[in-house]
Amino acid sequence: MMFTKFGEMNSYKEINELAENLFNEGDIKSLKEMATENGIPEDMTEMYLQGEIPQLCEAMDAALGKIDVEVRELKPQEIMLDWVEYLRGQCMENEMLAFQVRKKGKSLAGCIGTLLQWSYTNRVSVHKDVMKATGIKGSYKLGMCPGMATAKKLITEYYMGK
């Protein structure tokens, strides 16, 4: 399960505030656990602990960390991995999207669910000749995955609330 010990954090600022408090209390073990739970790379945590960086993470790090944690849990495959990679790339280019990805209540499962709902709503009947070639009797409707332009629009709308 994700975010079980420290809960889902709403922003990189919350992560940094908790990291600072844990550091000041000398609770390095909990700080490392919190960082891991939020997908913050171990090397960044060590750099923070050594005073090499002033805070544990930035908005992009927190967003990518959350995505990484969610990916480990959801294990998306094929086209869903393409959607995840697009989202990662956008978080690196768009700080506002990175902020939104980190928000409580926004999740990769919800984002992928939005894309799959679109796919279900826009399913099409498979041509009878194709069905005959498969050897499957009857009719069949195929959920069409959105093209990348539609997927990008749906991903942005999901996280940005448009």
C-alpha atoms as a PDB file:
ATOM      1  CA  MET A   1       0.000   0.000   0.000  1.00  0.00           C
ATOM      2  CA  MET A   2       1.088   3.538  -0.777  1.00  0.00           C
ATOM      3  CA  PHE A   3       1.595   6.292   1.771  1.00  0.00           C
ATOM      4  CA  THR A   4       0.709   4.034   4.718  1.00  0.00           C
ATOM      5  CA  LYS A   5       3.023   5.355   7.434  1.00  0.00           C
ATOM      6  CA  PHE A   6       3.180   9.093   6.804  1.00  0.00           C
ATOM      7  CA  GLY A   7       0.052   9.535   4.675  1.00  0.00           C
ATOM      8  CA  GLU A   8      -0.328  11.139   1.285  1.00  0.00           C
ATOM      9  CA  MET A   9       1.390  14.501   1.227  1.00  0.00           C
ATOM     10  CA  ASN A  10      -0.263  17.362  -0.619  1.00  0.00           C
ATOM     11  CA  SER A  11       2.893  19.122  -1.785  1.00  0.00           C
ATOM     12  CA  TYR A  12       6.656  19.092  -1.908  1.00  0.00           C
ATOM     13  CA  LYS A  13       6.524  21.751   0.812  1.00  0.00           C
ATOM     14  CA  GLU A  14       4.806  19.306   3.180  1.00  0.00           C
ATOM     15  CA  ILE A  15       7.472  16.712   2.426  1.00  0.00           C
ATOM     16  CA  ASN A  16      10.239  19.231   3.088  1.00  0.00           C
ATOM     17  CA  GLU A  17       8.609  20.479   6.294  1.00  0.00           C
ATOM     18  CA  LEU A  18       8.326  16.945   7.663  1.00  0.00           C
ATOM     19  CA  ALA A  19      11.884  16.154   6.545  1.00  0.00           C
ATOM     20  CA  GLU A  20      13.188  19.228   8.375  1.00  0.00           C
ATOM     21  CA  ASN A  21      11.244  18.358  11.532  1.00  0.00           C
ATOM     22  CA  LEU A  22      12.464  14.757  11.502  1.00  0.00           C
ATOM     23  CA  PHE A  23      16.028  15.907  10.852  1.00  0.00           C
ATOM     24  CA  ASN A  24      15.894  18.425  13.712  1.00  0.00           C
ATOM     25  CA  GLU A  25      14.523  15.711  16.023  1.00  0.00           C
ATOM     26  CA  GLY A  26      17.396  13.442  14.976  1.00  0.00           C
ATOM     27  CA  ASP A  27      14.943  10.838  13.636  1.00  0.00           C
ATOM     28  CA  ILE A  28      16.980   9.933  10.574  1.00  0.00           C
ATOM     29  CA  LYS A  29      15.361   6.498  10.284  1.00  0.00           C
ATOM     30  CA  SER A  30      11.877   8.025   9.957  1.00  0.00           C
ATOM     31  CA  LEU A  31      13.171  10.691   7.576  1.00  0.00           C
ATOM     32  CA  LYS A  32      14.564   7.986   5.286  1.00  0.00           C
ATOM     33  CA  GLU A  33      11.317   5.978   5.538  1.00  0.00           C
ATOM     34  CA  MET A  34       9.249   9.056   4.702  1.00  0.00           C
ATOM     35  CA  ALA A  35      11.466   9.844   1.717  1.00  0.00           C
ATOM     36  CA  THR A  36      11.210   6.267   0.441  1.00  0.00           C
ATOM     37  CA  GLU A  37       7.430   6.236   0.951  1.00  0.00           C
ATOM     38  CA  ASN A  38       7.224   9.376  -1.199  1.00  0.00           C
ATOM     39  CA  GLY A  39       9.519   8.098  -3.941  1.00  0.00           C
ATOM     40  CA  ILE A  40      12.404  10.435  -3.152  1.00  0.00           C
ATOM     41  CA  PRO A  41      15.611   8.788  -4.405  1.00  0.00           C
ATOM     42  CA  GLU A  42      18.025   7.527  -1.763  1.00  0.00           C
ATOM     43  CA  ASP A  43      20.894   9.611  -3.148  1.00  0.00           C
ATOM     44  CA  MET A  44      18.859  12.808  -2.738  1.00  0.00           C
ATOM     45  CA  THR A  45      18.009  11.833   0.819  1.00  0.00           C
ATOM     46  CA  GLU A  46      21.691  11.275   1.572  1.00  0.00           C
ATOM     47  CA  MET A  47      22.615  14.608  -0.030  1.00  0.00           C
ATOM     48  CA  TYR A  48      19.993  16.302   2.162  1.00  0.00           C
ATOM     49  CA  LEU A  49      21.284  14.569   5.290  1.00  0.00           C
ATOM     50  CA  GLN A  50      24.858  15.638   4.463  1.00  0.00           C
ATOM     51  CA  GLY A  51      23.752  19.269   3.986  1.00  0.00           C
ATOM     52  CA  GLU A  52      24.621  19.226   0.276  1.00  0.00           C
ATOM     53  CA  ILE A  53      21.116  20.367  -0.709  1.00  0.00           C
ATOM     54  CA  PRO A  54      18.957  22.769   1.344  1.00  0.00           C
ATOM     55  CA  GLN A  55      15.729  20.774   1.104  1.00  0.00           C
ATOM     56  CA  LEU A  56      14.805  17.176   0.423  1.00  0.00           C
ATOM     57  CA  CYS A  57      12.929  17.802  -2.821  1.00  0.00           C
ATOM     58  CA  GLU A  58      11.505  20.256  -5.318  1.00  0.00           C
ATOM     59  CA  ALA A  59       8.049  20.126  -6.921  1.00  0.00           C
ATOM     60  CA  MET A  60       9.266  17.983  -9.832  1.00  0.00           C
ATOM     61  CA  ASP A  61      11.057  15.512  -7.535  1.00  0.00           C
ATOM     62  CA  ALA A  62       7.944  15.130  -5.388  1.00  0.00           C
ATOM     63  CA  ALA A  63       5.701  14.594  -8.418  1.00  0.00           C
ATOM     64  CA  LEU A  64       8.031  12.076 -10.051  1.00  0.00           C
ATOM     65  CA  GLY A  65       8.428  10.308  -6.714  1.00  0.00           C
ATOM     66  CA  LYS A  66       4.669   9.994  -6.322  1.00  0.00           C
ATOM     67  CA  ILE A  67       4.363   8.659  -9.861  1.00  0.00           C
ATOM     68  CA  ASP A  68       7.138   6.114  -9.198  1.00  0.00           C
ATOM     69  CA  VAL A  69       5.415   4.888  -6.019  1.00  0.00           C
ATOM     70  CA  GLU A  70       2.101   4.589  -7.864  1.00  0.00           C
ATOM     71  CA  VAL A  71       3.716   2.748 -10.793  1.00  0.00           C
ATOM     72  CA  ARG A  72       5.219   0.180  -8.401  1.00  0.00           C
ATOM     73  CA  GLU A  73       1.745  -0.389  -6.956  1.00  0.00           C
ATOM     74  CA  LEU A  74      -0.280  -0.371 -10.200  1.00  0.00           C
ATOM     75  CA  LYS A  75       2.229  -2.079 -12.518  1.00  0.00           C
ATOM     76  CA  PRO A  76       0.905  -0.446 -15.724  1.00  0.00           C
ATOM     77  CA  GLN A  77       1.831  -2.098 -19.013  1.00  0.00           C
ATOM     78  CA  GLU A  78       1.907  -1.312 -22.728  1.00  0.00           C
ATOM     79  CA  ILE A  79      -0.028   1.855 -23.635  1.00  0.00           C
ATOM     80  CA  MET A  80      -0.474   2.718 -19.963  1.00  0.00           C
ATOM     81  CA  LEU A  81       3.329   2.928 -19.634  1.00  0.00           C
ATOM     82  CA  ASP A  82       3.349   5.350 -22.561  1.00  0.00           C
ATOM     83  CA  TRP A  83       0.831   7.508 -20.702  1.00  0.00           C
ATOM     84  CA  VAL A  84       2.994   7.387 -17.568  1.00  0.00           C
ATOM     85  CA  GLU A  85       6.106   8.393 -19.522  1.00  0.00           C
ATOM     86  CA  TYR A  86       4.225  11.298 -21.077  1.00  0.00           C
ATOM     87  CA  LEU A  87       3.125  12.389 -17.593  1.00  0.00           C
ATOM     88  CA  ARG A  88       6.686  12.150 -16.272  1.00  0.00           C
ATOM     89  CA  GLY A  89       7.970  14.256 -19.162  1.00  0.00           C
ATOM     90  CA  GLN A  90       5.305  16.868 -18.596  1.00  0.00           C
ATOM     91  CA  CYS A  91       6.156  17.091 -14.891  1.00  0.00           C
ATOM     92  CA  MET A  92       9.740  17.897 -15.882  1.00  0.00           C
ATOM     93  CA  GLU A  93       8.595  20.660 -18.236  1.00  0.00           C
ATOM     94  CA  ASN A  94       5.600  22.092 -16.401  1.00  0.00           C
ATOM     95  CA  GLU A  95       6.024  22.969 -12.721  1.00  0.00           C
ATOM     96  CA  MET A  96       2.300  23.682 -12.316  1.00  0.00           C
ATOM     97  CA  LEU A  97       1.467  20.149 -13.479  1.00  0.00           C
ATOM     98  CA  ALA A  98       4.092  18.789 -11.050  1.00  0.00           C
ATOM     99  CA  PHE A  99       2.316  20.668  -8.225  1.00  0.00           C
ATOM    100  CA  GLN A 100      -1.021  19.192  -9.283  1.00  0.00           C
ATOM    101  CA  VAL A 101       0.289  15.615  -9.581  1.00  0.00           C
ATOM    102  CA  ARG A 102       1.383  15.809  -5.929  1.00  0.00           C
ATOM    103  CA  LYS A 103      -2.042  16.967  -4.697  1.00  0.00           C
ATOM    104  CA  LYS A 104      -4.002  14.709  -2.364  1.00  0.00           C
ATOM    105  CA  GLY A 105      -6.828  12.992  -4.207  1.00  0.00           C
ATOM    106  CA  LYS A 106      -5.038  13.054  -7.551  1.00  0.00           C
ATOM    107  CA  SER A 107      -3.590   9.694  -8.500  1.00  0.00           C
ATOM    108  CA  LEU A 108      -2.152   7.754 -11.357  1.00  0.00           C
ATOM    109  CA  ALA A 109      -5.020   5.279 -10.923  1.00  0.00           C
ATOM    110  CA  GLY A 110      -7.499   8.136 -11.344  1.00  0.00           C
ATOM    111  CA  CYS A 111      -5.642   9.443 -14.387  1.00  0.00           C
ATOM    112  CA  ILE A 112      -5.486   6.028 -16.067  1.00  0.00           C
ATOM    113  CA  GLY A 113      -9.121   5.480 -15.099  1.00  0.00           C
ATOM    114  CA  THR A 114     -10.040   8.680 -16.956  1.00  0.00           C
ATOM    115  CA  LEU A 115      -8.255   7.404 -20.065  1.00  0.00           C
ATOM    116  CA  LEU A 116      -9.881   3.973 -19.820  1.00  0.00           C
ATOM    117  CA  GLN A 117     -13.315   5.549 -19.325  1.00  0.00           C
ATOM    118  CA  TRP A 118     -12.749   7.485 -22.550  1.00  0.00           C
ATOM    119  CA  SER A 119     -11.723   4.224 -24.220  1.00  0.00           C
ATOM    120  CA  TYR A 120     -14.856   2.449 -23.017  1.00  0.00           C
ATOM    121  CA  THR A 121     -17.131   5.318 -24.045  1.00  0.00           C
ATOM    122  CA  ASN A 122     -15.549   5.451 -27.503  1.00  0.00           C
ATOM    123  CA  ARG A 123     -15.472   1.722 -28.260  1.00  0.00           C
ATOM    124  CA  VAL A 124     -16.253   0.647 -31.794  1.00  0.00           C
ATOM    125  CA  SER A 125     -17.720  -2.471 -33.367  1.00  0.00           C
ATOM    126  CA  VAL A 126     -15.196  -4.778 -34.988  1.00  0.00           C
ATOM    127  CA  HIS A 127     -15.954  -5.419 -38.658  1.00  0.00           C
ATOM    128  CA  LYS A 128     -17.598  -8.806 -39.353  1.00  0.00           C
ATOM    129  CA  ASP A 129     -14.731  -9.852 -41.665  1.00  0.00           C
ATOM    130  CA  VAL A 130     -12.235  -9.244 -38.866  1.00  0.00           C
ATOM    131  CA  MET A 131     -14.391 -11.256 -36.488  1.00  0.00           C
ATOM    132  CA  LYS A 132     -14.600 -14.072 -39.043  1.00  0.00           C
ATOM    133  CA  ALA A 133     -10.791 -14.047 -39.368  1.00  0.00           C
ATOM    134  CA  THR A 134     -10.456 -14.452 -35.585  1.00  0.00           C
ATOM    135  CA  GLY A 135     -12.739 -17.455 -35.482  1.00  0.00           C
ATOM    136  CA  ILE A 136     -14.805 -15.768 -32.759  1.00  0.00           C
ATOM    137  CA  LYS A 137     -18.552 -15.971 -33.368  1.00  0.00           C
ATOM    138  CA  GLY A 138     -20.775 -12.980 -32.776  1.00  0.00           C
ATOM    139  CA  SER A 139     -20.028  -9.303 -32.602  1.00  0.00           C
ATOM    140  CA  TYR A 140     -17.416  -7.530 -30.579  1.00  0.00           C
ATOM    141  CA  LYS A 141     -16.833  -3.935 -29.533  1.00  0.00           C
ATOM    142  CA  LEU A 142     -13.279  -2.815 -29.041  1.00  0.00           C
ATOM    143  CA  GLY A 143     -12.346  -0.051 -26.615  1.00  0.00           C
ATOM    144  CA  MET A 144     -10.119   2.286 -28.561  1.00  0.00           C
ATOM    145  CA  CYS A 145      -7.187   3.725 -26.682  1.00  0.00           C
ATOM    146  CA  PRO A 146      -7.073   7.470 -27.151  1.00  0.00           C
ATOM    147  CA  GLY A 147      -4.476   8.763 -29.564  1.00  0.00           C
ATOM    148  CA  MET A 148      -1.658  10.690 -27.948  1.00  0.00           C
ATOM    149  CA  ALA A 149      -3.238  14.078 -28.650  1.00  0.00           C
ATOM    150  CA  THR A 150      -6.427  13.003 -26.851  1.00  0.00           C
ATOM    151  CA  ALA A 151      -4.461  11.240 -24.109  1.00  0.00           C
ATOM    152  CA  LYS A 152      -2.400  14.381 -23.491  1.00  0.00           C
ATOM    153  CA  LYS A 153      -5.565  16.468 -23.276  1.00  0.00           C
ATOM    154  CA  LEU A 154      -7.244  14.013 -20.882  1.00  0.00           C
ATOM    155  CA  ILE A 155      -4.146  13.719 -18.664  1.00  0.00           C
ATOM    156  CA  THR A 156      -3.809  17.493 -18.435  1.00  0.00           C
ATOM    157  CA  GLU A 157      -7.511  17.936 -17.719  1.00  0.00           C
ATOM    158  CA  TYR A 158      -7.441  15.262 -15.017  1.00  0.00           C
ATOM    159  CA  TYR A 159      -4.559  16.803 -13.092  1.00  0.00           C
ATOM    160  CA  MET A 160      -5.204  20.471 -13.835  1.00  0.00           C
ATOM    161  CA  GLY A 161      -8.964  20.282 -13.357  1.00  0.00           C
ATOM    162  CA  LYS A 162      -9.873  21.760 -16.726  1.00  0.00           C
END
